[in-house]
Amino acid sequence: MVTLFRIIKYGVQSFLRNGWLSVSTVGIMILALLVFEGLILFNVVSQGAVQAIENKVDITVYFQSNVPEDTILNLKKSLEGLSEVKYVQYISQDQALANFKVAHANDPTITQTLSELSANPLLASLNIKAQDIHHYDAIASYLEKPDFSGIIQKISYAQNQVVIDRLSAFIDNMTRGGFILTIFLAFLAASVTFNTIRLGIFSNREQIGIMRLVGASNNFIRGPYVIEGTIYGIIAAVVSFLVFIPIIAAVSPAISSFVPEVNLQGYFGANFLSVFLYQIVFGVVLGIVSSVIATRRYLNV
């Protein structure tokens, strides 16, 4: 217990003794942690955006006007048996016309035109929702079988597929870019921490030599520098988290106006503790790893 107390004491003294070097080290680590936290929240926003798009995207199959209802219902049952399909909604010609009238009730031109028609111009259809946004390809391929070519007039899929592909590519690129930036800043922070601790080892080389002569263990020599790296990580995590709170408050309304399904401030509030713990763990691991590498290389312990 006394040994642990001494290790912590020497680690704190080393942190304070380095002064501005410690401040610069913490500053670099704060940048890395801010990007790390930003990447977490970007994933929340992107997943919410994808979910919002998924909720609005489906495949609509329009049938020839002379196709019997039983044939359509048989295809509906066949589609519901596919593992990729979440649900299938059947809309008859009469229901399609009723929905169209409700949607354009305030347009007198359309209302008058419909009243003058002798037959229903709209087609029966099936609205198909997939389990996952990536399953629409398989569903579209199933509907393109030659068996259904005689009853299907149109499948509304190609237009949605362009939007889905572009959105997925954008999110993948942004996530990849954020991950690369996080790795780069983490490497930079580790390098600065490494060099800070290396300087501390160099300045204390005589003291370390004396400790070796009196039989100090490897862990006792390494311990203060690990504590120093841990202090860097904890301070950087706390500061970056405090900096991020007003940032979340500022950007949350803009994100909600763009993607109403995403409440970033609500997510941050509900996961306040877990996000903070992620920051602490990431910062401490970053500091400890840098310290261990520095002591292993320059102390030869």
C-alpha atoms as a PDB file:
ATOM      1  CA  MET A   1       0.000   0.000   0.000  1.00  0.00           C
ATOM      2  CA  VAL A   2       2.864   2.358   0.871  1.00  0.00           C
ATOM      3  CA  THR A   3       4.599   1.465  -2.405  1.00  0.00           C
ATOM      4  CA  LEU A   4       1.440   2.249  -4.409  1.00  0.00           C
ATOM      5  CA  PHE A   5       1.088   5.592  -2.613  1.00  0.00           C
ATOM      6  CA  ARG A   6       4.686   6.465  -3.473  1.00  0.00           C
ATOM      7  CA  ILE A   7       4.213   5.535  -7.113  1.00  0.00           C
ATOM      8  CA  ILE A   8       1.134   7.771  -7.339  1.00  0.00           C
ATOM      9  CA  LYS A   9       2.969  10.579  -5.526  1.00  0.00           C
ATOM     10  CA  TYR A  10       5.958  10.432  -7.880  1.00  0.00           C
ATOM     11  CA  GLY A  11       3.626  10.276 -10.896  1.00  0.00           C
ATOM     12  CA  VAL A  12       1.748  13.415  -9.821  1.00  0.00           C
ATOM     13  CA  GLN A  13       5.036  15.208  -9.112  1.00  0.00           C
ATOM     14  CA  SER A  14       6.341  14.306 -12.564  1.00  0.00           C
ATOM     15  CA  PHE A  15       3.133  15.626 -14.163  1.00  0.00           C
ATOM     16  CA  LEU A  16       3.378  18.942 -12.300  1.00  0.00           C
ATOM     17  CA  ARG A  17       7.098  19.276 -12.917  1.00  0.00           C
ATOM     18  CA  ASN A  18       6.706  19.070 -16.716  1.00  0.00           C
ATOM     19  CA  GLY A  19       4.533  22.221 -16.707  1.00  0.00           C
ATOM     20  CA  TRP A  20       3.746  23.488 -20.210  1.00  0.00           C
ATOM     21  CA  LEU A  21       4.855  20.203 -21.711  1.00  0.00           C
ATOM     22  CA  SER A  22       2.076  18.498 -19.789  1.00  0.00           C
ATOM     23  CA  VAL A  23      -0.389  21.158 -20.969  1.00  0.00           C
ATOM     24  CA  SER A  24       0.550  20.605 -24.628  1.00  0.00           C
ATOM     25  CA  THR A  25       0.289  16.838 -24.197  1.00  0.00           C
ATOM     26  CA  VAL A  26      -3.167  17.134 -22.673  1.00  0.00           C
ATOM     27  CA  GLY A  27      -4.183  19.541 -25.460  1.00  0.00           C
ATOM     28  CA  ILE A  28      -3.288  17.045 -28.191  1.00  0.00           C
ATOM     29  CA  MET A  29      -5.122  14.281 -26.346  1.00  0.00           C
ATOM     30  CA  ILE A  30      -8.183  16.524 -26.017  1.00  0.00           C
ATOM     31  CA  LEU A  31      -8.291  16.931 -29.814  1.00  0.00           C
ATOM     32  CA  ALA A  32      -8.079  13.177 -30.291  1.00  0.00           C
ATOM     33  CA  LEU A  33     -10.863  12.583 -27.753  1.00  0.00           C
ATOM     34  CA  LEU A  34     -13.085  15.271 -29.304  1.00  0.00           C
ATOM     35  CA  VAL A  35     -12.813  13.579 -32.685  1.00  0.00           C
ATOM     36  CA  PHE A  36     -13.452  10.206 -31.027  1.00  0.00           C
ATOM     37  CA  GLU A  37     -16.589  11.506 -29.336  1.00  0.00           C
ATOM     38  CA  GLY A  38     -17.661  13.236 -32.542  1.00  0.00           C
ATOM     39  CA  LEU A  39     -17.344   9.938 -34.381  1.00  0.00           C
ATOM     40  CA  ILE A  40     -19.626   8.237 -31.849  1.00  0.00           C
ATOM     41  CA  LEU A  41     -22.282  10.934 -32.225  1.00  0.00           C
ATOM     42  CA  PHE A  42     -21.902  10.993 -36.013  1.00  0.00           C
ATOM     43  CA  ASN A  43     -22.725   7.285 -36.031  1.00  0.00           C
ATOM     44  CA  VAL A  44     -25.862   8.056 -33.997  1.00  0.00           C
ATOM     45  CA  VAL A  45     -26.928  10.737 -36.493  1.00  0.00           C
ATOM     46  CA  SER A  46     -26.110   8.632 -39.548  1.00  0.00           C
ATOM     47  CA  GLN A  47     -27.964   5.613 -38.178  1.00  0.00           C
ATOM     48  CA  GLY A  48     -30.965   7.827 -37.423  1.00  0.00           C
ATOM     49  CA  ALA A  49     -30.862   9.257 -40.951  1.00  0.00           C
ATOM     50  CA  VAL A  50     -30.632   5.797 -42.483  1.00  0.00           C
ATOM     51  CA  GLN A  51     -33.505   4.604 -40.291  1.00  0.00           C
ATOM     52  CA  ALA A  52     -35.609   7.586 -41.362  1.00  0.00           C
ATOM     53  CA  ILE A  53     -34.877   6.845 -45.019  1.00  0.00           C
ATOM     54  CA  GLU A  54     -35.588   3.159 -44.527  1.00  0.00           C
ATOM     55  CA  ASN A  55     -38.977   3.974 -43.017  1.00  0.00           C
ATOM     56  CA  LYS A  56     -39.888   5.958 -46.135  1.00  0.00           C
ATOM     57  CA  VAL A  57     -38.436   3.573 -48.711  1.00  0.00           C
ATOM     58  CA  ASP A  58     -40.340   0.580 -50.035  1.00  0.00           C
ATOM     59  CA  ILE A  59     -41.036  -1.256 -53.265  1.00  0.00           C
ATOM     60  CA  THR A  60     -44.403  -0.703 -54.890  1.00  0.00           C
ATOM     61  CA  VAL A  61     -45.560  -3.265 -57.438  1.00  0.00           C
ATOM     62  CA  TYR A  62     -48.307  -2.112 -59.834  1.00  0.00           C
ATOM     63  CA  PHE A  63     -50.384  -4.788 -61.572  1.00  0.00           C
ATOM     64  CA  GLN A  64     -52.076  -4.918 -64.931  1.00  0.00           C
ATOM     65  CA  SER A  65     -55.690  -3.721 -64.716  1.00  0.00           C
ATOM     66  CA  ASN A  66     -57.085  -7.135 -65.745  1.00  0.00           C
ATOM     67  CA  VAL A  67     -55.216  -9.148 -63.091  1.00  0.00           C
ATOM     68  CA  PRO A  68     -57.638 -10.976 -60.712  1.00  0.00           C
ATOM     69  CA  GLU A  69     -57.434 -10.067 -57.047  1.00  0.00           C
ATOM     70  CA  ASP A  70     -56.768 -13.701 -56.077  1.00  0.00           C
ATOM     71  CA  THR A  71     -53.617 -13.709 -58.216  1.00  0.00           C
ATOM     72  CA  ILE A  72     -52.363 -10.562 -56.484  1.00  0.00           C
ATOM     73  CA  LEU A  73     -53.119 -12.009 -53.043  1.00  0.00           C
ATOM     74  CA  ASN A  74     -51.253 -15.214 -53.944  1.00  0.00           C
ATOM     75  CA  LEU A  75     -48.188 -13.158 -54.854  1.00  0.00           C
ATOM     76  CA  LYS A  76     -48.602 -11.235 -51.597  1.00  0.00           C
ATOM     77  CA  LYS A  77     -48.558 -14.493 -49.645  1.00  0.00           C
ATOM     78  CA  SER A  78     -45.512 -15.657 -51.608  1.00  0.00           C
ATOM     79  CA  LEU A  79     -43.643 -12.441 -50.794  1.00  0.00           C
ATOM     80  CA  GLU A  80     -44.506 -12.681 -47.097  1.00  0.00           C
ATOM     81  CA  GLY A  81     -42.744 -16.048 -47.063  1.00  0.00           C
ATOM     82  CA  LEU A  82     -39.417 -14.423 -47.983  1.00  0.00           C
ATOM     83  CA  SER A  83     -37.025 -13.836 -45.093  1.00  0.00           C
ATOM     84  CA  GLU A  84     -36.054 -10.449 -46.557  1.00  0.00           C
ATOM     85  CA  VAL A  85     -39.616  -9.106 -46.402  1.00  0.00           C
ATOM     86  CA  LYS A  86     -40.879  -7.327 -43.296  1.00  0.00           C
ATOM     87  CA  TYR A  87     -44.481  -6.881 -44.429  1.00  0.00           C
ATOM     88  CA  VAL A  88     -46.589  -6.506 -47.569  1.00  0.00           C
ATOM     89  CA  GLN A  89     -49.591  -4.182 -47.894  1.00  0.00           C
ATOM     90  CA  TYR A  90     -52.225  -4.771 -50.566  1.00  0.00           C
ATOM     91  CA  ILE A  91     -53.972  -1.729 -52.043  1.00  0.00           C
ATOM     92  CA  SER A  92     -56.883  -2.491 -54.351  1.00  0.00           C
ATOM     93  CA  GLN A  93     -57.914  -0.265 -57.251  1.00  0.00           C
ATOM     94  CA  ASP A  94     -60.837   1.119 -55.241  1.00  0.00           C
ATOM     95  CA  GLN A  95     -58.635   1.839 -52.249  1.00  0.00           C
ATOM     96  CA  ALA A  96     -56.021   3.483 -54.479  1.00  0.00           C
ATOM     97  CA  LEU A  97     -58.691   5.762 -55.949  1.00  0.00           C
ATOM     98  CA  ALA A  98     -60.043   6.637 -52.496  1.00  0.00           C
ATOM     99  CA  ASN A  99     -56.542   7.475 -51.248  1.00  0.00           C
ATOM    100  CA  PHE A 100     -55.895   9.603 -54.330  1.00  0.00           C
ATOM    101  CA  LYS A 101     -59.124  11.559 -53.804  1.00  0.00           C
ATOM    102  CA  VAL A 102     -58.252  12.262 -50.168  1.00  0.00           C
ATOM    103  CA  ALA A 103     -54.728  13.391 -51.099  1.00  0.00           C
ATOM    104  CA  HIS A 104     -56.040  15.806 -53.757  1.00  0.00           C
ATOM    105  CA  ALA A 105     -59.274  16.863 -52.088  1.00  0.00           C
ATOM    106  CA  ASN A 106     -58.250  20.539 -52.264  1.00  0.00           C
ATOM    107  CA  ASP A 107     -57.474  20.428 -55.983  1.00  0.00           C
ATOM    108  CA  PRO A 108     -60.738  21.149 -57.874  1.00  0.00           C
ATOM    109  CA  THR A 109     -59.210  20.369 -61.261  1.00  0.00           C
ATOM    110  CA  ILE A 110     -58.256  16.826 -60.289  1.00  0.00           C
ATOM    111  CA  THR A 111     -61.549  16.288 -58.476  1.00  0.00           C
ATOM    112  CA  GLN A 112     -63.535  17.356 -61.552  1.00  0.00           C
ATOM    113  CA  THR A 113     -61.408  15.210 -63.859  1.00  0.00           C
ATOM    114  CA  LEU A 114     -61.960  12.130 -61.711  1.00  0.00           C
ATOM    115  CA  SER A 115     -65.729  12.700 -61.661  1.00  0.00           C
ATOM    116  CA  GLU A 116     -65.802  12.728 -65.454  1.00  0.00           C
ATOM    117  CA  LEU A 117     -63.978   9.426 -65.849  1.00  0.00           C
ATOM    118  CA  SER A 118     -66.085   6.373 -66.522  1.00  0.00           C
ATOM    119  CA  ALA A 119     -63.512   3.884 -65.181  1.00  0.00           C
ATOM    120  CA  ASN A 120     -60.972   3.780 -62.389  1.00  0.00           C
ATOM    121  CA  PRO A 121     -57.585   4.736 -63.949  1.00  0.00           C
ATOM    122  CA  LEU A 122     -55.525   3.600 -60.971  1.00  0.00           C
ATOM    123  CA  LEU A 123     -53.963   0.174 -60.583  1.00  0.00           C
ATOM    124  CA  ALA A 124     -53.929  -2.315 -57.741  1.00  0.00           C
ATOM    125  CA  SER A 125     -50.574  -2.534 -56.005  1.00  0.00           C
ATOM    126  CA  LEU A 126     -48.477  -4.156 -53.313  1.00  0.00           C
ATOM    127  CA  ASN A 127     -46.304  -2.035 -51.029  1.00  0.00           C
ATOM    128  CA  ILE A 128     -43.359  -4.117 -49.820  1.00  0.00           C
ATOM    129  CA  LYS A 129     -41.197  -3.190 -46.834  1.00  0.00           C
ATOM    130  CA  ALA A 130     -37.871  -5.011 -46.429  1.00  0.00           C
ATOM    131  CA  GLN A 131     -36.306  -6.145 -43.168  1.00  0.00           C
ATOM    132  CA  ASP A 132     -33.150  -4.219 -44.083  1.00  0.00           C
ATOM    133  CA  ILE A 133     -32.338  -1.558 -46.648  1.00  0.00           C
ATOM    134  CA  HIS A 134     -29.878  -3.935 -48.321  1.00  0.00           C
ATOM    135  CA  HIS A 135     -32.589  -6.559 -48.939  1.00  0.00           C
ATOM    136  CA  TYR A 136     -34.431  -4.618 -51.639  1.00  0.00           C
ATOM    137  CA  ASP A 137     -32.121  -5.976 -54.336  1.00  0.00           C
ATOM    138  CA  ALA A 138     -33.136  -9.544 -53.518  1.00  0.00           C
ATOM    139  CA  ILE A 139     -36.842  -8.628 -53.426  1.00  0.00           C
ATOM    140  CA  ALA A 140     -36.616  -6.786 -56.760  1.00  0.00           C
ATOM    141  CA  SER A 141     -34.847  -9.781 -58.317  1.00  0.00           C
ATOM    142  CA  TYR A 142     -37.604 -12.067 -57.053  1.00  0.00           C
ATOM    143  CA  LEU A 143     -40.286  -9.874 -58.631  1.00  0.00           C
ATOM    144  CA  GLU A 144     -38.438  -9.842 -61.957  1.00  0.00           C
ATOM    145  CA  LYS A 145     -38.970 -13.576 -62.452  1.00  0.00           C
ATOM    146  CA  PRO A 146     -40.541 -14.497 -65.803  1.00  0.00           C
ATOM    147  CA  ASP A 147     -43.510 -16.026 -63.922  1.00  0.00           C
ATOM    148  CA  PHE A 148     -44.663 -12.534 -62.887  1.00  0.00           C
ATOM    149  CA  SER A 149     -43.921 -10.604 -66.072  1.00  0.00           C
ATOM    150  CA  GLY A 150     -47.456 -11.099 -67.399  1.00  0.00           C
ATOM    151  CA  ILE A 151     -49.212  -9.615 -64.359  1.00  0.00           C
ATOM    152  CA  ILE A 152     -46.846  -6.840 -63.234  1.00  0.00           C
ATOM    153  CA  GLN A 153     -46.931  -3.547 -65.086  1.00  0.00           C
ATOM    154  CA  LYS A 154     -44.320  -1.596 -63.088  1.00  0.00           C
ATOM    155  CA  ILE A 155     -41.998  -1.918 -60.100  1.00  0.00           C
ATOM    156  CA  SER A 156     -40.981   1.352 -58.422  1.00  0.00           C
ATOM    157  CA  TYR A 157     -37.508   0.472 -57.247  1.00  0.00           C
ATOM    158  CA  ALA A 158     -34.815   1.975 -59.476  1.00  0.00           C
ATOM    159  CA  GLN A 159     -35.445   5.567 -58.327  1.00  0.00           C
ATOM    160  CA  ASN A 160     -35.248   4.621 -54.650  1.00  0.00           C
ATOM    161  CA  GLN A 161     -32.144   2.519 -55.235  1.00  0.00           C
ATOM    162  CA  VAL A 162     -30.172   5.532 -56.479  1.00  0.00           C
ATOM    163  CA  VAL A 163     -31.014   7.473 -53.306  1.00  0.00           C
ATOM    164  CA  ILE A 164     -30.207   4.502 -51.073  1.00  0.00           C
ATOM    165  CA  ASP A 165     -26.849   3.842 -52.726  1.00  0.00           C
ATOM    166  CA  ARG A 166     -25.774   7.486 -52.582  1.00  0.00           C
ATOM    167  CA  LEU A 167     -26.782   7.866 -48.937  1.00  0.00           C
ATOM    168  CA  SER A 168     -25.036   4.646 -47.920  1.00  0.00           C
ATOM    169  CA  ALA A 169     -21.868   5.642 -49.791  1.00  0.00           C
ATOM    170  CA  PHE A 170     -21.866   9.103 -48.179  1.00  0.00           C
ATOM    171  CA  ILE A 171     -22.288   7.715 -44.671  1.00  0.00           C
ATOM    172  CA  ASP A 172     -19.646   5.029 -45.231  1.00  0.00           C
ATOM    173  CA  ASN A 173     -17.152   7.616 -46.488  1.00  0.00           C
ATOM    174  CA  MET A 174     -17.835   9.996 -43.592  1.00  0.00           C
ATOM    175  CA  THR A 175     -17.513   7.188 -41.042  1.00  0.00           C
ATOM    176  CA  ARG A 176     -14.290   5.977 -42.641  1.00  0.00           C
ATOM    177  CA  GLY A 177     -12.901   9.520 -42.720  1.00  0.00           C
ATOM    178  CA  GLY A 178     -13.794  10.117 -39.067  1.00  0.00           C
ATOM    179  CA  PHE A 179     -12.199   6.825 -38.071  1.00  0.00           C
ATOM    180  CA  ILE A 180      -8.973   7.651 -39.940  1.00  0.00           C
ATOM    181  CA  LEU A 181      -8.873  11.118 -38.359  1.00  0.00           C
ATOM    182  CA  THR A 182      -9.373   9.601 -34.901  1.00  0.00           C
ATOM    183  CA  ILE A 183      -6.542   7.117 -35.476  1.00  0.00           C
ATOM    184  CA  PHE A 184      -4.258   9.901 -36.734  1.00  0.00           C
ATOM    185  CA  LEU A 185      -4.920  12.169 -33.743  1.00  0.00           C
ATOM    186  CA  ALA A 186      -4.650   9.236 -31.332  1.00  0.00           C
ATOM    187  CA  PHE A 187      -1.260   8.407 -32.847  1.00  0.00           C
ATOM    188  CA  LEU A 188      -0.227  12.055 -32.569  1.00  0.00           C
ATOM    189  CA  ALA A 189      -1.382  12.221 -28.951  1.00  0.00           C
ATOM    190  CA  ALA A 190       0.449   8.975 -28.156  1.00  0.00           C
ATOM    191  CA  SER A 191       3.615  10.323 -29.776  1.00  0.00           C
ATOM    192  CA  VAL A 192       3.484  13.561 -27.776  1.00  0.00           C
ATOM    193  CA  THR A 193       2.788  11.666 -24.543  1.00  0.00           C
ATOM    194  CA  PHE A 194       5.594   9.258 -25.394  1.00  0.00           C
ATOM    195  CA  ASN A 195       8.078  12.077 -25.907  1.00  0.00           C
ATOM    196  CA  THR A 196       6.926  13.903 -22.772  1.00  0.00           C
ATOM    197  CA  ILE A 197       7.522  10.822 -20.657  1.00  0.00           C
ATOM    198  CA  ARG A 198      10.810  10.128 -22.440  1.00  0.00           C
ATOM    199  CA  LEU A 199      12.023  13.620 -21.468  1.00  0.00           C
ATOM    200  CA  GLY A 200      10.960  12.925 -17.897  1.00  0.00           C
ATOM    201  CA  ILE A 201      12.936   9.700 -17.912  1.00  0.00           C
ATOM    202  CA  PHE A 202      15.993  11.459 -19.335  1.00  0.00           C
ATOM    203  CA  SER A 203      15.871  14.226 -16.720  1.00  0.00           C
ATOM    204  CA  ASN A 204      15.532  11.645 -13.937  1.00  0.00           C
ATOM    205  CA  ARG A 205      18.134   9.216 -15.297  1.00  0.00           C
ATOM    206  CA  GLU A 206      20.442   9.668 -12.287  1.00  0.00           C
ATOM    207  CA  GLN A 207      17.592   9.079  -9.846  1.00  0.00           C
ATOM    208  CA  ILE A 208      16.548   5.990 -11.812  1.00  0.00           C
ATOM    209  CA  GLY A 209      20.137   4.709 -11.680  1.00  0.00           C
ATOM    210  CA  ILE A 210      20.184   5.103  -7.923  1.00  0.00           C
ATOM    211  CA  MET A 211      16.828   3.292  -7.628  1.00  0.00           C
ATOM    212  CA  ARG A 212      18.292   0.404  -9.589  1.00  0.00           C
ATOM    213  CA  LEU A 213      21.327   0.252  -7.305  1.00  0.00           C
ATOM    214  CA  VAL A 214      19.184   0.015  -4.177  1.00  0.00           C
ATOM    215  CA  GLY A 215      17.125  -2.800  -5.737  1.00  0.00           C
ATOM    216  CA  ALA A 216      13.925  -1.025  -6.835  1.00  0.00           C
ATOM    217  CA  SER A 217      11.671  -3.314  -8.884  1.00  0.00           C
ATOM    218  CA  ASN A 218      10.882  -2.720 -12.519  1.00  0.00           C
ATOM    219  CA  ASN A 219       7.249  -1.963 -11.696  1.00  0.00           C
ATOM    220  CA  PHE A 220       8.261   0.616  -9.097  1.00  0.00           C
ATOM    221  CA  ILE A 221      10.433   2.425 -11.651  1.00  0.00           C
ATOM    222  CA  ARG A 222       7.803   2.216 -14.388  1.00  0.00           C
ATOM    223  CA  GLY A 223       4.827   3.015 -12.128  1.00  0.00           C
ATOM    224  CA  PRO A 224       5.144   6.837 -11.804  1.00  0.00           C
ATOM    225  CA  TYR A 225       5.293   7.255 -15.584  1.00  0.00           C
ATOM    226  CA  VAL A 226       2.208   5.078 -16.050  1.00  0.00           C
ATOM    227  CA  ILE A 227       0.449   7.236 -13.437  1.00  0.00           C
ATOM    228  CA  GLU A 228       1.574  10.337 -15.315  1.00  0.00           C
ATOM    229  CA  GLY A 229       0.117   8.998 -18.576  1.00  0.00           C
ATOM    230  CA  THR A 230      -3.099   8.089 -16.762  1.00  0.00           C
ATOM    231  CA  ILE A 231      -3.388  11.651 -15.427  1.00  0.00           C
ATOM    232  CA  TYR A 232      -2.978  12.996 -18.978  1.00  0.00           C
ATOM    233  CA  GLY A 233      -5.788  10.719 -20.178  1.00  0.00           C
ATOM    234  CA  ILE A 234      -8.203  11.533 -17.342  1.00  0.00           C
ATOM    235  CA  ILE A 235      -7.746  15.302 -17.602  1.00  0.00           C
ATOM    236  CA  ALA A 236      -8.074  15.206 -21.401  1.00  0.00           C
ATOM    237  CA  ALA A 237     -11.235  13.057 -21.157  1.00  0.00           C
ATOM    238  CA  VAL A 238     -12.911  15.348 -18.614  1.00  0.00           C
ATOM    239  CA  VAL A 239     -12.040  18.550 -20.487  1.00  0.00           C
ATOM    240  CA  SER A 240     -13.073  17.187 -23.898  1.00  0.00           C
ATOM    241  CA  PHE A 241     -16.361  15.972 -22.434  1.00  0.00           C
ATOM    242  CA  LEU A 242     -17.084  19.384 -20.886  1.00  0.00           C
ATOM    243  CA  VAL A 243     -16.227  21.078 -24.189  1.00  0.00           C
ATOM    244  CA  PHE A 244     -18.578  18.762 -26.062  1.00  0.00           C
ATOM    245  CA  ILE A 245     -21.633  19.568 -23.917  1.00  0.00           C
ATOM    246  CA  PRO A 246     -22.215  23.092 -25.351  1.00  0.00           C
ATOM    247  CA  ILE A 247     -21.350  21.809 -28.827  1.00  0.00           C
ATOM    248  CA  ILE A 248     -24.146  19.240 -28.561  1.00  0.00           C
ATOM    249  CA  ALA A 249     -26.567  21.905 -27.339  1.00  0.00           C
ATOM    250  CA  ALA A 250     -25.651  24.139 -30.307  1.00  0.00           C
ATOM    251  CA  VAL A 251     -25.823  21.594 -33.138  1.00  0.00           C
ATOM    252  CA  SER A 252     -28.728  19.463 -31.881  1.00  0.00           C
ATOM    253  CA  PRO A 253     -31.540  21.817 -33.118  1.00  0.00           C
ATOM    254  CA  ALA A 254     -29.957  22.031 -36.584  1.00  0.00           C
ATOM    255  CA  ILE A 255     -29.659  18.246 -36.834  1.00  0.00           C
ATOM    256  CA  SER A 256     -33.247  17.764 -35.607  1.00  0.00           C
ATOM    257  CA  SER A 257     -34.517  20.168 -38.267  1.00  0.00           C
ATOM    258  CA  PHE A 258     -32.634  18.198 -40.929  1.00  0.00           C
ATOM    259  CA  VAL A 259     -33.445  14.727 -39.551  1.00  0.00           C
ATOM    260  CA  PRO A 260     -36.490  15.024 -37.229  1.00  0.00           C
ATOM    261  CA  GLU A 261     -36.100  11.406 -36.136  1.00  0.00           C
ATOM    262  CA  VAL A 262     -32.735  12.179 -34.515  1.00  0.00           C
ATOM    263  CA  ASN A 263     -32.709  13.917 -31.123  1.00  0.00           C
ATOM    264  CA  LEU A 264     -28.984  14.264 -30.512  1.00  0.00           C
ATOM    265  CA  GLN A 265     -29.376  16.169 -27.252  1.00  0.00           C
ATOM    266  CA  GLY A 266     -31.830  13.570 -25.991  1.00  0.00           C
ATOM    267  CA  TYR A 267     -29.454  10.752 -26.909  1.00  0.00           C
ATOM    268  CA  PHE A 268     -26.555  12.550 -25.215  1.00  0.00           C
ATOM    269  CA  GLY A 269     -28.632  13.084 -22.082  1.00  0.00           C
ATOM    270  CA  ALA A 270     -29.810   9.468 -21.968  1.00  0.00           C
ATOM    271  CA  ASN A 271     -26.285   8.105 -22.531  1.00  0.00           C
ATOM    272  CA  PHE A 272     -24.432  10.775 -20.561  1.00  0.00           C
ATOM    273  CA  LEU A 273     -22.619   8.348 -18.282  1.00  0.00           C
ATOM    274  CA  SER A 274     -21.694   5.778 -20.935  1.00  0.00           C
ATOM    275  CA  VAL A 275     -20.271   8.435 -23.292  1.00  0.00           C
ATOM    276  CA  PHE A 276     -18.255   9.894 -20.421  1.00  0.00           C
ATOM    277  CA  LEU A 277     -16.920   6.447 -19.509  1.00  0.00           C
ATOM    278  CA  TYR A 278     -15.943   5.844 -23.142  1.00  0.00           C
ATOM    279  CA  GLN A 279     -13.972   9.080 -23.034  1.00  0.00           C
ATOM    280  CA  ILE A 280     -12.243   8.143 -19.772  1.00  0.00           C
ATOM    281  CA  VAL A 281     -11.357   4.646 -20.995  1.00  0.00           C
ATOM    282  CA  PHE A 282     -10.060   5.893 -24.341  1.00  0.00           C
ATOM    283  CA  GLY A 283      -8.002   8.650 -22.705  1.00  0.00           C
ATOM    284  CA  VAL A 284      -6.558   6.429 -19.973  1.00  0.00           C
ATOM    285  CA  VAL A 285      -5.677   3.629 -22.395  1.00  0.00           C
ATOM    286  CA  LEU A 286      -4.014   6.163 -24.685  1.00  0.00           C
ATOM    287  CA  GLY A 287      -1.932   7.545 -21.810  1.00  0.00           C
ATOM    288  CA  ILE A 288      -1.015   4.154 -20.347  1.00  0.00           C
ATOM    289  CA  VAL A 289      -0.009   2.622 -23.685  1.00  0.00           C
ATOM    290  CA  SER A 290       2.221   5.621 -24.439  1.00  0.00           C
ATOM    291  CA  SER A 291       3.800   5.386 -20.996  1.00  0.00           C
ATOM    292  CA  VAL A 292       4.439   1.647 -21.178  1.00  0.00           C
ATOM    293  CA  ILE A 293       6.060   1.948 -24.618  1.00  0.00           C
ATOM    294  CA  ALA A 294       8.256   4.823 -23.439  1.00  0.00           C
ATOM    295  CA  THR A 295       9.416   3.069 -20.285  1.00  0.00           C
ATOM    296  CA  ARG A 296      10.018  -0.231 -22.045  1.00  0.00           C
ATOM    297  CA  ARG A 297      12.171   1.387 -24.717  1.00  0.00           C
ATOM    298  CA  TYR A 298      14.121   3.895 -22.669  1.00  0.00           C
ATOM    299  CA  LEU A 299      14.399   2.221 -19.290  1.00  0.00           C
ATOM    300  CA  ASN A 300      15.080  -1.275 -20.598  1.00  0.00           C
ATOM    301  CA  VAL A 301      13.048  -2.703 -17.762  1.00  0.00           C
END
